[in-house]
Amino acid sequence: MRKTMAPLLLAVLVVFSAQQLITPILAPLSRRLELTESQLGLVITTAAIALTIASTLWGRALDRVGVRKVLLAGLVLATLGLTGFAVASALGLAEVLSSSSVLAVMLATRSLLFGAGIAALPVAALAAASAATSDEADRTKAVGLVGAVQGISLVLGPALGGALAVVSLTLPLYLAPALTALLAIWVFATASRTPHVRPAGPRAAGVKPWEARLWPFFAIGFLLYLSLGLVQVITGFLIADRLRLAAEETAGSVGVALFAAGLVLVAVQGAVVPKLAWPAVRLMRAGAPIAVAGFVLLALAGQLWSITAAFAVLSLGLGLALPGFAAAPTLMVGPEQQGSVAGLVNATTGATFIVGPLLGTALYETDPAVPIFAAAGAAAGALLLAVFSPAARRLATRATEVAEAAPAG
């Protein structure tokens, strides 16, 4: 399974690391460019809209044109988007472009092109994870690997981006598109190694997210990712304002906090989740309350160490719950619908970031603590659905019956 998925996991690692390179500089860069918190939220929200729409399209395309073409198309779009973002930022810092012009170019490149392009990577990886496994334990482990790779990007990207930003705020902007361009060349050269996930036989009907067997899981995923989206975009502002830091110092401190969060995500999704081998519903029920506790700690944190500790706790909770969410819908459909489900899972992630960043920045302008408590409420809502929704209870019962029927030892 791991050997089959290795090329896709590497692709996810590189592209998401390139994305995270820019995360530590977003807040200080936006202030240098004279963009407001809400305008930055608009850039991220528009990217999420593009990702959400593109995810469902990539999911269908996997069955029609194969993984190679989907990956290459996604990488080309991502590279063009990051390149345009870097150029617009550089011209804005040089005062060649006005703030309004910079915002317009960012919306076209960083939001639309990059948002659509990056969507291809997790969709392909999740579909491959489902195609390479059959039982719930293996499925959850495979999905955990995809999440672990994304967690590694949270370690590598912000750490490197924060370090580069200390030298120059623009260095991460130039490195990110270079990485995605090199990856596109590698994928093109090693196309035969990428797995094919299209099942044999006629194409099945598409999956509808509002089906009774599926919507509670998509709602759980939406709420979990919404909780993350509400606080992720305000992290730079939160650290800068609470610690009273300058732009370069803010980037470095954000890198420290996200580095710790990434380490925990990698450990939980890459090691703890496979070791526990818990059913999907149990992972969601265990992780959601831990995430709630992490958000409460973040609301109370006033120093870098306590902010970092809070991010570690909420990463522990989300690291348990999110693989459960990603695996659960795939267990409710057959192999011929895994591509569609993978697209919907990734679209759910994108949909939360349509609402989260814009709402988070707007709430932050009202009071810095409000978006954090809203995030805690969203995670609590996910817990309620995981415990009480009929679909989650049926899947939990099925997992218990399978475990009881399995031979001991």
Protein backbone atom coordinates (compact mmCIF):
# COMPACT_ATOMS: atom_id res chain seq x y z
CA MET A 1 0.00 0.00 0.00
CA ARG A 2 2.67 2.52 1.01
CA LYS A 3 4.79 1.72 -2.06
CA THR A 4 1.80 2.24 -4.36
CA MET A 5 0.98 5.59 -2.77
CA ALA A 6 4.56 6.84 -2.41
CA PRO A 7 4.64 9.07 -5.54
CA LEU A 8 1.36 10.74 -4.59
CA LEU A 9 2.43 11.20 -0.98
CA LEU A 10 5.64 12.87 -2.14
CA ALA A 11 3.66 15.16 -4.44
CA VAL A 12 1.32 16.15 -1.61
CA LEU A 13 4.30 16.80 0.65
CA VAL A 14 6.05 19.12 -1.80
CA VAL A 15 3.00 21.14 -2.85
CA PHE A 16 1.63 21.62 0.65
CA SER A 17 5.10 22.51 1.94
CA ALA A 18 5.30 25.14 -0.81
CA GLN A 19 1.94 26.48 0.33
CA GLN A 20 3.02 26.52 3.98
CA LEU A 21 6.25 28.33 3.12
CA ILE A 22 4.12 31.43 2.65
CA THR A 23 1.96 31.04 5.78
CA PRO A 24 4.36 32.76 8.25
CA ILE A 25 4.67 35.82 6.01
CA LEU A 26 1.00 36.35 5.14
CA ALA A 27 0.17 38.64 8.04
CA PRO A 28 3.32 40.82 7.91
CA LEU A 29 3.26 40.84 4.09
CA SER A 30 -0.35 42.01 4.00
CA ARG A 31 0.46 44.86 6.35
CA ARG A 32 3.48 45.86 4.27
CA LEU A 33 1.21 45.88 1.21
CA GLU A 34 -1.39 47.90 3.15
CA LEU A 35 -4.02 45.18 2.89
CA THR A 36 -6.51 44.81 5.74
CA GLU A 37 -7.16 41.62 7.68
CA SER A 38 -10.47 41.23 5.86
CA GLN A 39 -8.80 41.62 2.46
CA LEU A 40 -6.34 38.87 3.34
CA GLY A 41 -9.29 36.77 4.44
CA LEU A 42 -10.92 37.43 1.07
CA VAL A 43 -7.83 36.11 -0.75
CA ILE A 44 -7.88 32.89 1.27
CA THR A 45 -11.65 32.53 1.05
CA THR A 46 -11.62 32.90 -2.74
CA ALA A 47 -8.91 30.24 -2.92
CA ALA A 48 -11.13 27.96 -0.88
CA ILE A 49 -14.01 28.51 -3.30
CA ALA A 50 -11.74 27.53 -6.19
CA LEU A 51 -10.51 24.47 -4.27
CA THR A 52 -14.04 23.39 -3.38
CA ILE A 53 -15.31 23.59 -6.95
CA ALA A 54 -12.17 22.06 -8.43
CA SER A 55 -12.11 19.14 -5.96
CA THR A 56 -15.36 17.66 -7.26
CA LEU A 57 -14.15 18.12 -10.85
CA TRP A 58 -10.79 16.49 -10.13
CA GLY A 59 -12.60 13.58 -8.46
CA ARG A 60 -14.59 12.91 -11.62
CA ALA A 61 -11.55 13.47 -13.84
CA LEU A 62 -9.59 10.75 -12.05
CA ASP A 63 -11.89 8.10 -13.51
CA ARG A 64 -11.77 9.64 -16.98
CA VAL A 65 -8.17 10.71 -17.65
CA GLY A 66 -6.12 9.08 -14.89
CA VAL A 67 -3.88 10.29 -12.10
CA ARG A 68 -0.97 11.51 -14.27
CA LYS A 69 -2.97 14.08 -16.21
CA VAL A 70 -4.79 15.24 -13.09
CA LEU A 71 -1.51 15.73 -11.22
CA LEU A 72 0.19 17.55 -14.08
CA ALA A 73 -2.77 19.84 -14.67
CA GLY A 74 -2.98 20.63 -10.97
CA LEU A 75 0.75 21.30 -10.68
CA VAL A 76 0.78 23.62 -13.68
CA LEU A 77 -2.08 25.66 -12.24
CA ALA A 78 -0.45 25.74 -8.80
CA THR A 79 2.89 26.89 -10.24
CA LEU A 80 1.26 29.64 -12.29
CA GLY A 81 -0.71 30.78 -9.26
CA LEU A 82 2.28 30.95 -6.93
CA THR A 83 4.38 32.69 -9.57
CA GLY A 84 1.72 35.34 -10.09
CA PHE A 85 1.38 35.80 -6.34
CA ALA A 86 5.13 36.34 -5.97
CA VAL A 87 5.26 38.84 -8.83
CA ALA A 88 2.28 40.81 -7.52
CA SER A 89 3.75 40.94 -4.01
CA ALA A 90 7.16 42.07 -5.26
CA LEU A 91 5.63 44.80 -7.41
CA GLY A 92 3.46 45.92 -4.52
CA LEU A 93 6.41 46.13 -2.14
CA ALA A 94 8.28 48.14 -4.78
CA GLU A 95 5.23 50.45 -5.01
CA VAL A 96 4.85 49.71 -8.72
CA LEU A 97 1.33 48.40 -8.11
CA SER A 98 -1.24 49.98 -5.84
CA SER A 99 -2.80 48.01 -3.00
CA SER A 100 -6.02 47.53 -4.96
CA SER A 101 -4.10 46.24 -7.99
CA VAL A 102 -2.08 43.85 -5.82
CA LEU A 103 -5.30 42.53 -4.30
CA ALA A 104 -6.83 41.96 -7.75
CA VAL A 105 -3.78 40.04 -9.00
CA MET A 106 -3.64 37.99 -5.80
CA LEU A 107 -7.28 37.00 -6.22
CA ALA A 108 -6.60 35.83 -9.78
CA THR A 109 -3.36 33.97 -9.03
CA ARG A 110 -3.02 32.93 -5.38
CA SER A 111 -6.76 32.41 -5.04
CA LEU A 112 -8.16 31.06 -8.33
CA LEU A 113 -5.20 29.40 -10.06
CA PHE A 114 -3.42 28.05 -7.00
CA GLY A 115 -6.66 27.08 -5.24
CA ALA A 116 -7.80 25.02 -8.21
CA GLY A 117 -4.37 23.50 -8.75
CA ILE A 118 -3.62 22.37 -5.21
CA ALA A 119 -7.02 20.65 -5.00
CA ALA A 120 -5.82 17.93 -7.37
CA LEU A 121 -3.19 16.58 -4.97
CA PRO A 122 -5.21 15.42 -1.94
CA VAL A 123 -8.08 14.20 -4.15
CA ALA A 124 -5.71 11.89 -6.01
CA ALA A 125 -4.03 10.74 -2.80
CA LEU A 126 -7.31 10.00 -0.98
CA ALA A 127 -8.67 8.09 -3.98
CA ALA A 128 -5.47 6.04 -4.12
CA ALA A 129 -5.70 5.34 -0.38
CA SER A 130 -9.23 4.02 -0.81
CA ALA A 131 -8.31 1.97 -3.88
CA ALA A 132 -5.35 0.37 -2.11
CA THR A 133 -7.33 -0.81 0.94
CA SER A 134 -10.46 -2.80 1.71
CA ASP A 135 -11.13 -3.00 5.48
CA GLU A 136 -11.73 -0.10 7.86
CA ALA A 137 -8.48 -0.39 9.80
CA ASP A 138 -6.29 -0.31 6.68
CA ARG A 139 -8.41 2.46 5.16
CA THR A 140 -8.01 4.64 8.23
CA LYS A 141 -4.26 3.98 8.31
CA ALA A 142 -3.90 4.93 4.64
CA VAL A 143 -5.90 8.11 5.09
CA GLY A 144 -3.77 8.82 8.16
CA LEU A 145 -0.67 8.65 5.97
CA VAL A 146 -2.10 11.32 3.68
CA GLY A 147 -2.83 13.47 6.71
CA ALA A 148 0.63 12.79 8.15
CA VAL A 149 2.27 13.99 4.95
CA GLN A 150 0.21 17.17 5.12
CA GLY A 151 1.30 17.46 8.75
CA ILE A 152 4.94 17.17 7.71
CA SER A 153 4.33 20.08 5.38
CA LEU A 154 3.13 22.05 8.41
CA VAL A 155 6.51 21.32 9.98
CA LEU A 156 8.77 21.92 6.99
CA GLY A 157 6.93 24.80 5.33
CA PRO A 158 6.46 27.26 8.20
CA ALA A 159 9.87 26.46 9.70
CA LEU A 160 11.67 27.13 6.42
CA GLY A 161 9.39 30.03 5.54
CA GLY A 162 9.92 31.66 8.92
CA ALA A 163 13.70 31.22 8.68
CA LEU A 164 13.82 32.67 5.17
CA ALA A 165 11.59 35.57 6.18
CA VAL A 166 14.13 36.65 8.78
CA VAL A 167 16.57 37.17 5.88
CA SER A 168 13.99 38.57 3.46
CA LEU A 169 10.22 38.65 3.49
CA THR A 170 10.14 37.79 -0.23
CA LEU A 171 12.39 34.69 -0.26
CA PRO A 172 9.53 32.25 0.53
CA LEU A 173 7.52 33.81 -2.30
CA TYR A 174 10.18 32.85 -4.85
CA LEU A 175 10.98 29.39 -3.49
CA ALA A 176 7.35 28.16 -3.45
CA PRO A 177 6.71 28.23 -7.24
CA ALA A 178 10.18 26.82 -7.89
CA LEU A 179 9.32 23.75 -5.80
CA THR A 180 6.02 23.11 -7.57
CA ALA A 181 7.65 23.55 -10.99
CA LEU A 182 10.35 20.99 -10.14
CA LEU A 183 7.67 18.60 -8.90
CA ALA A 184 5.74 18.94 -12.17
CA ILE A 185 8.89 17.98 -14.08
CA TRP A 186 9.41 14.97 -11.79
CA VAL A 187 5.81 13.78 -12.19
CA PHE A 188 6.10 14.09 -15.97
CA ALA A 189 9.35 12.09 -15.98
CA THR A 190 8.07 9.34 -13.66
CA ALA A 191 4.48 9.10 -14.91
CA SER A 192 4.47 5.30 -15.04
CA ARG A 193 5.00 5.12 -11.27
CA THR A 194 1.81 6.94 -10.37
CA PRO A 195 -1.04 4.57 -9.41
CA HIS A 196 -4.21 4.17 -11.45
CA VAL A 197 -7.34 4.32 -9.34
CA ARG A 198 -10.10 3.80 -11.89
CA PRO A 199 -12.02 0.58 -11.14
CA ALA A 200 -12.93 -1.91 -13.82
CA GLY A 201 -16.46 -1.99 -15.18
CA PRO A 202 -19.02 0.70 -16.01
CA ARG A 203 -18.84 4.11 -14.37
CA ALA A 204 -21.10 4.41 -11.33
CA ALA A 205 -23.48 7.24 -10.60
CA GLY A 206 -22.02 10.19 -8.74
CA VAL A 207 -22.26 10.45 -4.97
CA LYS A 208 -24.54 13.11 -3.47
CA PRO A 209 -23.23 14.72 -0.27
CA TRP A 210 -26.74 15.06 1.16
CA GLU A 211 -27.41 11.31 1.16
CA ALA A 212 -28.49 10.17 4.63
CA ARG A 213 -25.58 7.73 4.90
CA LEU A 214 -23.03 10.48 4.15
CA TRP A 215 -24.11 13.97 5.18
CA PRO A 216 -23.40 13.60 8.93
CA PHE A 217 -19.78 12.74 8.17
CA PHE A 218 -19.39 15.64 5.78
CA ALA A 219 -20.96 17.89 8.43
CA ILE A 220 -18.49 16.60 11.02
CA GLY A 221 -15.61 17.27 8.66
CA PHE A 222 -16.96 20.72 7.84
CA LEU A 223 -17.16 21.68 11.51
CA LEU A 224 -13.71 20.29 12.33
CA TYR A 225 -12.05 22.09 9.45
CA LEU A 226 -14.10 25.21 10.16
CA SER A 227 -12.65 25.29 13.66
CA LEU A 228 -9.17 25.20 12.15
CA GLY A 229 -9.98 27.76 9.47
CA LEU A 230 -11.32 30.24 12.01
CA VAL A 231 -7.99 30.42 13.84
CA GLN A 232 -5.40 29.62 11.18
CA VAL A 233 -5.71 32.89 9.29
CA ILE A 234 -5.64 35.00 12.47
CA THR A 235 -2.60 33.28 13.97
CA GLY A 236 -0.17 35.88 12.65
CA PHE A 237 -2.33 38.76 13.85
CA LEU A 238 -2.90 37.06 17.21
CA ILE A 239 0.81 36.54 17.86
CA ALA A 240 1.77 40.00 16.61
CA ASP A 241 -0.85 41.74 18.76
CA ARG A 242 -0.49 39.67 21.94
CA LEU A 243 3.32 39.69 21.89
CA ARG A 244 3.64 43.15 20.23
CA LEU A 245 6.09 41.99 17.55
CA ALA A 246 7.41 43.54 14.34
CA ALA A 247 6.82 41.95 10.93
CA GLU A 248 9.95 39.77 10.76
CA GLU A 249 9.60 38.72 14.43
CA THR A 250 5.96 37.81 13.82
CA ALA A 251 6.88 35.53 10.91
CA GLY A 252 9.46 33.70 13.02
CA SER A 253 7.08 33.27 15.96
CA VAL A 254 4.26 32.02 13.73
CA GLY A 255 6.75 29.54 12.30
CA VAL A 256 7.53 28.25 15.81
CA ALA A 257 3.85 27.75 16.70
CA LEU A 258 2.98 26.04 13.42
CA PHE A 259 6.14 23.94 13.61
CA ALA A 260 4.95 22.51 16.92
CA ALA A 261 1.46 21.96 15.51
CA GLY A 262 2.90 20.15 12.52
CA LEU A 263 5.07 17.90 14.67
CA VAL A 264 2.04 16.80 16.66
CA LEU A 265 -0.04 16.21 13.51
CA VAL A 266 2.72 14.10 11.98
CA ALA A 267 3.15 12.03 15.13
CA VAL A 268 -0.58 11.48 15.61
CA GLN A 269 -1.61 10.76 12.01
CA GLY A 270 1.57 8.95 10.97
CA ALA A 271 2.21 6.89 14.12
CA VAL A 272 -0.53 7.11 16.75
CA VAL A 273 -3.55 6.56 14.47
CA PRO A 274 -2.03 3.48 12.73
CA LYS A 275 -0.90 2.10 16.10
CA LEU A 276 -4.30 2.55 17.73
CA ALA A 277 -6.14 1.07 14.71
CA TRP A 278 -9.37 2.57 16.03
CA PRO A 279 -12.53 2.68 13.92
CA ALA A 280 -13.28 5.97 12.19
CA VAL A 281 -16.12 7.01 14.52
CA ARG A 282 -14.07 6.35 17.64
CA LEU A 283 -11.29 8.57 16.30
CA MET A 284 -13.76 11.40 15.78
CA ARG A 285 -15.32 10.96 19.20
CA ALA A 286 -11.92 10.96 20.90
CA GLY A 287 -10.33 13.78 18.93
CA ALA A 288 -13.08 16.41 18.90
CA PRO A 289 -13.17 17.09 22.68
CA ILE A 290 -9.37 17.35 22.77
CA ALA A 291 -9.56 19.95 20.01
CA VAL A 292 -12.15 21.89 22.04
CA ALA A 293 -9.73 21.96 24.97
CA GLY A 294 -6.95 23.20 22.70
CA PHE A 295 -9.03 26.11 21.45
CA VAL A 296 -9.95 27.12 24.99
CA LEU A 297 -6.26 27.09 25.92
CA LEU A 298 -5.48 29.25 22.87
CA ALA A 299 -8.08 31.81 23.94
CA LEU A 300 -6.34 32.13 27.30
CA ALA A 301 -2.72 32.02 26.08
CA GLY A 302 -0.66 35.20 26.39
CA GLN A 303 2.91 34.05 25.73
CA LEU A 304 4.55 32.30 22.79
CA TRP A 305 5.09 29.11 24.79
CA SER A 306 1.44 28.91 25.86
CA ILE A 307 0.21 29.73 22.35
CA THR A 308 2.47 26.98 21.01
CA ALA A 309 1.23 24.53 23.65
CA ALA A 310 -2.37 25.32 22.76
CA PHE A 311 -1.68 24.64 19.10
CA ALA A 312 -0.09 21.32 20.08
CA VAL A 313 -3.20 20.27 22.02
CA LEU A 314 -5.65 21.23 19.28
CA SER A 315 -3.39 19.48 16.75
CA LEU A 316 -3.57 16.33 18.86
CA GLY A 317 -7.36 16.47 18.78
CA LEU A 318 -7.65 17.26 15.09
CA GLY A 319 -4.94 14.72 14.29
CA LEU A 320 -7.15 12.01 15.76
CA ALA A 321 -10.49 13.23 14.45
CA LEU A 322 -9.67 14.22 10.86
CA PRO A 323 -8.49 10.76 9.65
CA GLY A 324 -11.74 9.40 11.06
CA PHE A 325 -13.74 11.92 9.06
CA ALA A 326 -11.78 11.30 5.85
CA ALA A 327 -12.15 7.53 6.13
CA ALA A 328 -15.81 7.36 7.20
CA PRO A 329 -17.50 8.38 3.90
CA THR A 330 -15.27 6.03 1.89
CA LEU A 331 -16.54 3.14 4.01
CA MET A 332 -20.13 3.89 3.02
CA VAL A 333 -19.65 3.51 -0.77
CA GLY A 334 -18.25 0.91 -3.16
CA PRO A 335 -14.92 1.00 -5.03
CA GLU A 336 -16.53 2.50 -8.13
CA GLN A 337 -17.46 5.67 -6.21
CA GLN A 338 -14.20 6.30 -4.34
CA GLY A 339 -13.07 9.03 -6.73
CA SER A 340 -16.28 10.97 -6.23
CA VAL A 341 -16.09 10.59 -2.46
CA ALA A 342 -12.45 11.70 -2.43
CA GLY A 343 -13.48 14.82 -4.30
CA LEU A 344 -16.28 15.52 -1.84
CA VAL A 345 -14.01 14.97 1.16
CA ASN A 346 -11.55 17.51 -0.19
CA ALA A 347 -14.39 19.84 -1.22
CA THR A 348 -15.61 19.74 2.38
CA THR A 349 -12.21 20.97 3.48
CA GLY A 350 -12.31 23.75 0.93
CA ALA A 351 -15.86 24.75 1.83
CA THR A 352 -14.85 25.42 5.44
CA PHE A 353 -12.13 27.76 4.28
CA ILE A 354 -14.66 29.70 2.24
CA VAL A 355 -16.33 30.63 5.51
CA GLY A 356 -13.55 30.28 8.08
CA PRO A 357 -10.91 32.86 7.10
CA LEU A 358 -13.39 35.58 6.19
CA LEU A 359 -15.44 34.95 9.32
CA GLY A 360 -12.32 34.55 11.45
CA THR A 361 -10.80 37.86 10.37
CA ALA A 362 -14.14 39.66 10.70
CA LEU A 363 -14.64 38.29 14.21
CA TYR A 364 -11.05 39.13 15.10
CA GLU A 365 -11.65 42.77 14.19
CA THR A 366 -14.57 42.69 16.66
CA ASP A 367 -12.62 41.01 19.47
CA PRO A 368 -9.50 38.79 19.20
CA ALA A 369 -10.99 36.07 21.42
CA VAL A 370 -14.28 35.66 19.53
CA PRO A 371 -13.02 33.55 16.57
CA ILE A 372 -11.22 31.21 18.97
CA PHE A 373 -14.34 30.51 21.03
CA ALA A 374 -16.30 30.11 17.79
CA ALA A 375 -13.76 27.47 16.76
CA ALA A 376 -14.29 25.66 20.05
CA GLY A 377 -18.03 25.70 19.41
CA ALA A 378 -17.58 24.22 15.94
CA ALA A 379 -15.46 21.37 17.29
CA ALA A 380 -18.08 20.74 19.98
CA GLY A 381 -20.76 20.54 17.28
CA ALA A 382 -18.69 17.93 15.45
CA LEU A 383 -18.51 15.88 18.63
CA LEU A 384 -22.30 15.95 19.03
CA LEU A 385 -22.80 14.66 15.48
CA ALA A 386 -20.18 11.94 15.95
CA VAL A 387 -21.96 10.73 19.07
CA PHE A 388 -25.64 11.14 18.19
CA SER A 389 -26.13 11.07 14.39
CA PRO A 390 -27.73 7.84 13.08
CA ALA A 391 -25.10 7.40 10.36
CA ALA A 392 -22.22 7.63 12.83
CA ARG A 393 -23.94 5.25 15.23
CA ARG A 394 -24.54 2.73 12.43
CA LEU A 395 -20.91 2.86 11.32
CA ALA A 396 -19.75 2.49 14.92
CA THR A 397 -22.04 -0.52 15.40
CA ARG A 398 -20.74 -2.10 12.20
CA ALA A 399 -17.15 -1.62 13.36
CA THR A 400 -17.99 -3.25 16.70
CA GLU A 401 -19.61 -6.23 14.98
CA VAL A 402 -16.59 -6.69 12.71
CA ALA A 403 -14.24 -6.52 15.69
CA GLU A 404 -16.28 -9.07 17.65
CA ALA A 405 -16.39 -11.42 14.66
CA ALA A 406 -12.63 -11.23 14.08
CA PRO A 407 -10.56 -14.11 15.49
CA ALA A 408 -8.72 -13.33 18.70
CA GLY A 409 -4.96 -12.63 18.52
